[in-house]
Amino acid sequence: MSWAQFNSHVNQLANALQSSGIGKGDKVATVLPNSLDLLSIYWATISIGAVLVPLSPLLKPSGLINLLINADVRIVFLTTDLMTGLQQRRAEIEKISKEHYLTLGDDAGSKFNRYEDFIAASPDGSPNYPDMKQTDLFNIVYSSGTTGLPKGIMHSHLVRANYASHFAASFRMTPESVVLHTGSIVFNGAFVTLLPCFFLGARY
């Protein structure tokens, strides 16, 4: 996929998010395995000033619900299997997001809101970019909770911009570089290579 194609994909989702009322400062959670859609959600979210909350798809429903409530999310992208599990705890998930749950996957049934339907009618032109400050929140990444409950680590746009530029320089990356990431991209370590790669327009 070229950068132009990827940008169109990101714009389509960004426009869909804005049309649904998601904007600057709103929390957008993902509970998905590595995929092109997950990357698109990352960039669509931050492009409209919303706050990314990437969560592990290995979380059990109880742990996932606690983190979603803690992050105060307005929209959640997750797999159909996870949504089915959460449905068994309807009273709790209704506390999380009264806005949207969007499922991804080939088996996404009609009883859940489908990602494909969510973006279908949206244009792929540039969304309305908000005025942003360096101190605005970029993401909330949760710790693994090995010493207690997982803690939400908040990164500003300035911090993530430093990830992009400083790691690019440290790794001597260029736009001609090819970056191979073989782990999950929901954890903070993934941003060490993801951000400089996308900053430079290298191949991911």
C-alpha atoms as a PDB file:
ATOM      1  CA  MET A   1       0.000   0.000   0.000  1.00  0.00           C
ATOM      2  CA  SER A   2       1.336   3.420  -0.925  1.00  0.00           C
ATOM      3  CA  TRP A   3       1.312   6.378   1.450  1.00  0.00           C
ATOM      4  CA  ALA A   4      -1.375   8.042  -0.690  1.00  0.00           C
ATOM      5  CA  GLN A   5      -3.617   4.977  -0.416  1.00  0.00           C
ATOM      6  CA  PHE A   6      -3.049   4.756   3.315  1.00  0.00           C
ATOM      7  CA  ASN A   7      -3.802   8.450   3.737  1.00  0.00           C
ATOM      8  CA  SER A   8      -7.130   8.030   1.931  1.00  0.00           C
ATOM      9  CA  HIS A   9      -8.000   5.138   4.240  1.00  0.00           C
ATOM     10  CA  VAL A  10      -7.112   7.221   7.310  1.00  0.00           C
ATOM     11  CA  ASN A  11      -9.080  10.236   6.057  1.00  0.00           C
ATOM     12  CA  GLN A  12     -12.175   8.142   5.458  1.00  0.00           C
ATOM     13  CA  LEU A  13     -12.152   6.915   9.042  1.00  0.00           C
ATOM     14  CA  ALA A  14     -11.300  10.374  10.414  1.00  0.00           C
ATOM     15  CA  ASN A  15     -14.311  11.846   8.605  1.00  0.00           C
ATOM     16  CA  ALA A  16     -16.526   9.042   9.918  1.00  0.00           C
ATOM     17  CA  LEU A  17     -15.350   9.717  13.464  1.00  0.00           C
ATOM     18  CA  GLN A  18     -16.056  13.427  13.154  1.00  0.00           C
ATOM     19  CA  SER A  19     -19.477  12.765  11.636  1.00  0.00           C
ATOM     20  CA  SER A  20     -20.326  10.617  14.657  1.00  0.00           C
ATOM     21  CA  GLY A  21     -19.399  13.432  17.023  1.00  0.00           C
ATOM     22  CA  ILE A  22     -15.900  12.353  17.988  1.00  0.00           C
ATOM     23  CA  GLY A  23     -13.516  15.282  18.265  1.00  0.00           C
ATOM     24  CA  LYS A  24     -10.601  16.828  20.092  1.00  0.00           C
ATOM     25  CA  GLY A  25      -9.954  15.292  23.492  1.00  0.00           C
ATOM     26  CA  ASP A  26     -12.377  12.377  23.085  1.00  0.00           C
ATOM     27  CA  LYS A  27     -10.945   8.962  23.956  1.00  0.00           C
ATOM     28  CA  VAL A  28     -10.905   6.322  21.204  1.00  0.00           C
ATOM     29  CA  ALA A  29     -10.047   2.791  22.355  1.00  0.00           C
ATOM     30  CA  THR A  30      -8.838  -0.133  20.264  1.00  0.00           C
ATOM     31  CA  VAL A  31      -8.867  -3.774  21.353  1.00  0.00           C
ATOM     32  CA  LEU A  32      -7.544  -5.373  18.195  1.00  0.00           C
ATOM     33  CA  PRO A  33      -4.709  -7.548  16.896  1.00  0.00           C
ATOM     34  CA  ASN A  34      -2.181  -6.099  14.455  1.00  0.00           C
ATOM     35  CA  SER A  35      -3.850  -5.058  11.219  1.00  0.00           C
ATOM     36  CA  LEU A  36      -4.002  -2.295   8.656  1.00  0.00           C
ATOM     37  CA  ASP A  37      -7.271  -1.181  10.220  1.00  0.00           C
ATOM     38  CA  LEU A  38      -5.591  -0.803  13.612  1.00  0.00           C
ATOM     39  CA  LEU A  39      -2.903   1.424  12.115  1.00  0.00           C
ATOM     40  CA  SER A  40      -5.573   3.445  10.340  1.00  0.00           C
ATOM     41  CA  ILE A  41      -7.477   3.935  13.590  1.00  0.00           C
ATOM     42  CA  TYR A  42      -4.277   5.173  15.253  1.00  0.00           C
ATOM     43  CA  TRP A  43      -3.672   7.896  12.684  1.00  0.00           C
ATOM     44  CA  ALA A  44      -7.309   8.825  12.120  1.00  0.00           C
ATOM     45  CA  THR A  45      -7.739   9.318  15.857  1.00  0.00           C
ATOM     46  CA  ILE A  46      -4.776  11.606  16.384  1.00  0.00           C
ATOM     47  CA  SER A  47      -5.395  13.524  13.155  1.00  0.00           C
ATOM     48  CA  ILE A  48      -8.667  14.878  14.542  1.00  0.00           C
ATOM     49  CA  GLY A  49      -7.198  15.618  17.965  1.00  0.00           C
ATOM     50  CA  ALA A  50      -8.846  12.666  19.691  1.00  0.00           C
ATOM     51  CA  VAL A  51      -6.880  10.586  22.204  1.00  0.00           C
ATOM     52  CA  LEU A  52      -5.753   7.082  21.324  1.00  0.00           C
ATOM     53  CA  VAL A  53      -6.211   4.315  23.924  1.00  0.00           C
ATOM     54  CA  PRO A  54      -4.641   1.106  22.536  1.00  0.00           C
ATOM     55  CA  LEU A  55      -5.522  -1.957  24.612  1.00  0.00           C
ATOM     56  CA  SER A  56      -4.428  -5.574  24.347  1.00  0.00           C
ATOM     57  CA  PRO A  57      -6.899  -8.029  22.770  1.00  0.00           C
ATOM     58  CA  LEU A  58      -5.604 -10.597  25.291  1.00  0.00           C
ATOM     59  CA  LEU A  59      -7.392  -8.796  28.132  1.00  0.00           C
ATOM     60  CA  LYS A  60     -10.211 -10.648  29.845  1.00  0.00           C
ATOM     61  CA  PRO A  61     -13.612  -8.910  29.900  1.00  0.00           C
ATOM     62  CA  SER A  62     -13.304  -7.818  33.547  1.00  0.00           C
ATOM     63  CA  GLY A  63      -9.894  -6.216  33.030  1.00  0.00           C
ATOM     64  CA  LEU A  64     -10.958  -4.653  29.745  1.00  0.00           C
ATOM     65  CA  ILE A  65     -14.068  -3.113  31.270  1.00  0.00           C
ATOM     66  CA  ASN A  66     -12.040  -1.600  34.109  1.00  0.00           C
ATOM     67  CA  LEU A  67      -9.608   0.056  31.687  1.00  0.00           C
ATOM     68  CA  LEU A  68     -12.340   1.349  29.386  1.00  0.00           C
ATOM     69  CA  ILE A  69     -14.121   2.938  32.345  1.00  0.00           C
ATOM     70  CA  ASN A  70     -10.861   4.364  33.687  1.00  0.00           C
ATOM     71  CA  ALA A  71      -9.991   5.933  30.324  1.00  0.00           C
ATOM     72  CA  ASP A  72     -13.482   7.422  29.883  1.00  0.00           C
ATOM     73  CA  VAL A  73     -13.697   6.287  26.254  1.00  0.00           C
ATOM     74  CA  ARG A  74     -16.420   7.353  23.827  1.00  0.00           C
ATOM     75  CA  ILE A  75     -15.848   4.787  21.100  1.00  0.00           C
ATOM     76  CA  VAL A  76     -14.362   1.279  21.099  1.00  0.00           C
ATOM     77  CA  PHE A  77     -13.056  -0.736  18.157  1.00  0.00           C
ATOM     78  CA  LEU A  78     -12.857  -4.444  18.944  1.00  0.00           C
ATOM     79  CA  THR A  79     -13.288  -7.934  17.537  1.00  0.00           C
ATOM     80  CA  THR A  80     -16.643  -9.668  17.343  1.00  0.00           C
ATOM     81  CA  ASP A  81     -15.453 -12.341  19.780  1.00  0.00           C
ATOM     82  CA  LEU A  82     -14.580  -9.731  22.396  1.00  0.00           C
ATOM     83  CA  MET A  83     -17.873  -7.940  21.850  1.00  0.00           C
ATOM     84  CA  THR A  84     -19.739 -11.206  22.377  1.00  0.00           C
ATOM     85  CA  GLY A  85     -17.918 -11.685  25.672  1.00  0.00           C
ATOM     86  CA  LEU A  86     -18.669  -8.164  26.799  1.00  0.00           C
ATOM     87  CA  GLN A  87     -22.360  -8.559  25.984  1.00  0.00           C
ATOM     88  CA  GLN A  88     -22.595 -10.952  28.934  1.00  0.00           C
ATOM     89  CA  ARG A  89     -21.798  -7.984  31.180  1.00  0.00           C
ATOM     90  CA  ARG A  90     -24.209  -5.522  29.640  1.00  0.00           C
ATOM     91  CA  ALA A  91     -24.786  -3.486  32.818  1.00  0.00           C
ATOM     92  CA  GLU A  92     -21.071  -2.780  33.087  1.00  0.00           C
ATOM     93  CA  ILE A  93     -20.373  -1.950  29.453  1.00  0.00           C
ATOM     94  CA  GLU A  94     -23.233   0.529  29.400  1.00  0.00           C
ATOM     95  CA  LYS A  95     -21.147   2.585  31.848  1.00  0.00           C
ATOM     96  CA  ILE A  96     -18.291   2.726  29.377  1.00  0.00           C
ATOM     97  CA  SER A  97     -19.499   4.169  26.125  1.00  0.00           C
ATOM     98  CA  LYS A  98     -23.012   5.198  25.261  1.00  0.00           C
ATOM     99  CA  GLU A  99     -21.708   6.125  21.817  1.00  0.00           C
ATOM    100  CA  HIS A 100     -20.353   3.210  19.818  1.00  0.00           C
ATOM    101  CA  TYR A 101     -18.913  -0.261  19.823  1.00  0.00           C
ATOM    102  CA  LEU A 102     -17.556  -1.144  16.403  1.00  0.00           C
ATOM    103  CA  THR A 103     -16.562  -4.682  15.478  1.00  0.00           C
ATOM    104  CA  LEU A 104     -13.965  -5.729  12.923  1.00  0.00           C
ATOM    105  CA  GLY A 105     -13.499  -9.100  11.291  1.00  0.00           C
ATOM    106  CA  ASP A 106     -14.949 -11.385   8.653  1.00  0.00           C
ATOM    107  CA  ASP A 107     -17.418 -12.819  11.145  1.00  0.00           C
ATOM    108  CA  ALA A 108     -18.790  -9.438  12.235  1.00  0.00           C
ATOM    109  CA  GLY A 109     -22.493 -10.184  12.430  1.00  0.00           C
ATOM    110  CA  SER A 110     -25.344  -7.794  11.876  1.00  0.00           C
ATOM    111  CA  LYS A 111     -26.244  -7.683  15.572  1.00  0.00           C
ATOM    112  CA  PHE A 112     -23.194  -5.503  16.236  1.00  0.00           C
ATOM    113  CA  ASN A 113     -22.166  -2.209  14.650  1.00  0.00           C
ATOM    114  CA  ARG A 114     -19.680  -3.039  11.914  1.00  0.00           C
ATOM    115  CA  TYR A 115     -16.564  -1.017  11.130  1.00  0.00           C
ATOM    116  CA  GLU A 116     -17.150  -1.373   7.404  1.00  0.00           C
ATOM    117  CA  ASP A 117     -20.616   0.135   7.717  1.00  0.00           C
ATOM    118  CA  PHE A 118     -19.299   2.941   9.916  1.00  0.00           C
ATOM    119  CA  ILE A 119     -16.858   4.213   7.280  1.00  0.00           C
ATOM    120  CA  ALA A 120     -18.792   3.269   4.125  1.00  0.00           C
ATOM    121  CA  ALA A 121     -20.406   6.644   3.405  1.00  0.00           C
ATOM    122  CA  SER A 122     -17.476   8.836   4.458  1.00  0.00           C
ATOM    123  CA  PRO A 123     -15.314  10.729   1.931  1.00  0.00           C
ATOM    124  CA  ASP A 124     -11.564  10.195   1.808  1.00  0.00           C
ATOM    125  CA  GLY A 125     -10.674  13.884   1.663  1.00  0.00           C
ATOM    126  CA  SER A 126      -8.949  15.665   4.507  1.00  0.00           C
ATOM    127  CA  PRO A 127     -10.967  15.930   7.738  1.00  0.00           C
ATOM    128  CA  ASN A 128     -11.361  19.163   9.676  1.00  0.00           C
ATOM    129  CA  TYR A 129      -8.060  19.437  11.510  1.00  0.00           C
ATOM    130  CA  PRO A 130      -8.414  21.090  14.938  1.00  0.00           C
ATOM    131  CA  ASP A 131      -6.026  23.609  16.427  1.00  0.00           C
ATOM    132  CA  MET A 132      -3.556  21.577  18.444  1.00  0.00           C
ATOM    133  CA  LYS A 133      -1.005  22.397  21.125  1.00  0.00           C
ATOM    134  CA  GLN A 134       2.158  20.494  22.000  1.00  0.00           C
ATOM    135  CA  THR A 135       0.707  19.760  25.424  1.00  0.00           C
ATOM    136  CA  ASP A 136      -2.486  18.180  24.044  1.00  0.00           C
ATOM    137  CA  LEU A 137      -2.876  14.508  24.859  1.00  0.00           C
ATOM    138  CA  PHE A 138      -1.800  12.067  22.130  1.00  0.00           C
ATOM    139  CA  ASN A 139      -2.497   8.736  23.814  1.00  0.00           C
ATOM    140  CA  ILE A 140      -3.026   6.800  27.020  1.00  0.00           C
ATOM    141  CA  VAL A 141      -1.002   3.574  27.145  1.00  0.00           C
ATOM    142  CA  TYR A 142      -1.679   1.223  30.050  1.00  0.00           C
ATOM    143  CA  SER A 143       1.040  -0.623  31.941  1.00  0.00           C
ATOM    144  CA  SER A 144       0.824  -4.397  32.293  1.00  0.00           C
ATOM    145  CA  GLY A 145      -0.202  -4.190  35.952  1.00  0.00           C
ATOM    146  CA  THR A 146       2.556  -6.439  37.284  1.00  0.00           C
ATOM    147  CA  THR A 147       2.797  -4.385  40.494  1.00  0.00           C
ATOM    148  CA  GLY A 148      -0.918  -3.737  40.923  1.00  0.00           C
ATOM    149  CA  LEU A 149      -3.667  -2.337  38.741  1.00  0.00           C
ATOM    150  CA  PRO A 150      -2.582  -1.173  35.258  1.00  0.00           C
ATOM    151  CA  LYS A 151      -1.721   2.508  35.184  1.00  0.00           C
ATOM    152  CA  GLY A 152      -2.578   4.836  32.331  1.00  0.00           C
ATOM    153  CA  ILE A 153       0.559   6.521  31.006  1.00  0.00           C
ATOM    154  CA  MET A 154      -0.297   9.759  29.220  1.00  0.00           C
ATOM    155  CA  HIS A 155       1.850  11.041  26.353  1.00  0.00           C
ATOM    156  CA  SER A 156       1.480  14.493  24.834  1.00  0.00           C
ATOM    157  CA  HIS A 157       1.946  15.344  21.165  1.00  0.00           C
ATOM    158  CA  LEU A 158       5.298  16.904  22.089  1.00  0.00           C
ATOM    159  CA  VAL A 159       6.517  13.664  23.660  1.00  0.00           C
ATOM    160  CA  ARG A 160       5.444  11.609  20.665  1.00  0.00           C
ATOM    161  CA  ALA A 161       7.005  14.134  18.258  1.00  0.00           C
ATOM    162  CA  ASN A 162      10.266  13.620  20.145  1.00  0.00           C
ATOM    163  CA  TYR A 163       9.837   9.857  19.723  1.00  0.00           C
ATOM    164  CA  ALA A 164       9.547  10.417  15.992  1.00  0.00           C
ATOM    165  CA  SER A 165      12.522  12.729  15.519  1.00  0.00           C
ATOM    166  CA  HIS A 166      14.930  11.463  18.195  1.00  0.00           C
ATOM    167  CA  PHE A 167      14.545   7.755  17.486  1.00  0.00           C
ATOM    168  CA  ALA A 168      14.781   8.403  13.756  1.00  0.00           C
ATOM    169  CA  ALA A 169      18.135  10.086  14.359  1.00  0.00           C
ATOM    170  CA  SER A 170      19.331   7.482  16.874  1.00  0.00           C
ATOM    171  CA  PHE A 171      18.520   4.576  14.562  1.00  0.00           C
ATOM    172  CA  ARG A 172      19.903   6.467  11.531  1.00  0.00           C
ATOM    173  CA  MET A 173      16.616   5.913   9.732  1.00  0.00           C
ATOM    174  CA  THR A 174      15.861   7.564   6.402  1.00  0.00           C
ATOM    175  CA  PRO A 175      12.819   7.631   4.086  1.00  0.00           C
ATOM    176  CA  GLU A 176      14.458   4.673   2.289  1.00  0.00           C
ATOM    177  CA  SER A 177      14.535   2.549   5.458  1.00  0.00           C
ATOM    178  CA  VAL A 178      12.427  -0.582   5.844  1.00  0.00           C
ATOM    179  CA  VAL A 179      11.103  -1.118   9.385  1.00  0.00           C
ATOM    180  CA  LEU A 180      10.046  -4.619  10.429  1.00  0.00           C
ATOM    181  CA  HIS A 181       7.998  -4.792  13.619  1.00  0.00           C
ATOM    182  CA  THR A 182       7.277  -8.356  14.696  1.00  0.00           C
ATOM    183  CA  GLY A 183       5.432  -7.736  17.967  1.00  0.00           C
ATOM    184  CA  SER A 184       2.099  -6.300  18.951  1.00  0.00           C
ATOM    185  CA  ILE A 185       1.669  -2.616  18.111  1.00  0.00           C
ATOM    186  CA  VAL A 186      -0.642  -1.970  21.079  1.00  0.00           C
ATOM    187  CA  PHE A 187       2.254  -1.627  23.531  1.00  0.00           C
ATOM    188  CA  ASN A 188       4.393   1.447  24.061  1.00  0.00           C
ATOM    189  CA  GLY A 189       7.549  -0.244  22.731  1.00  0.00           C
ATOM    190  CA  ALA A 190       5.962  -0.381  19.285  1.00  0.00           C
ATOM    191  CA  PHE A 191       5.924   3.411  19.051  1.00  0.00           C
ATOM    192  CA  VAL A 192       9.734   3.477  19.274  1.00  0.00           C
ATOM    193  CA  THR A 193       9.915   2.344  15.648  1.00  0.00           C
ATOM    194  CA  LEU A 194       6.399   3.113  14.395  1.00  0.00           C
ATOM    195  CA  LEU A 195       6.538   6.856  14.977  1.00  0.00           C
ATOM    196  CA  PRO A 196       9.930   7.566  13.337  1.00  0.00           C
ATOM    197  CA  CYS A 197       8.985   5.336  10.402  1.00  0.00           C
ATOM    198  CA  PHE A 198       5.742   7.214   9.753  1.00  0.00           C
ATOM    199  CA  PHE A 199       7.427  10.557  10.431  1.00  0.00           C
ATOM    200  CA  LEU A 200       9.974   9.859   7.686  1.00  0.00           C
ATOM    201  CA  GLY A 201       7.608   8.157   5.282  1.00  0.00           C
ATOM    202  CA  ALA A 202       9.693   4.986   5.334  1.00  0.00           C
ATOM    203  CA  ARG A 203       8.342   1.496   4.663  1.00  0.00           C
ATOM    204  CA  TYR A 204       6.629  -0.204   7.621  1.00  0.00           C
END
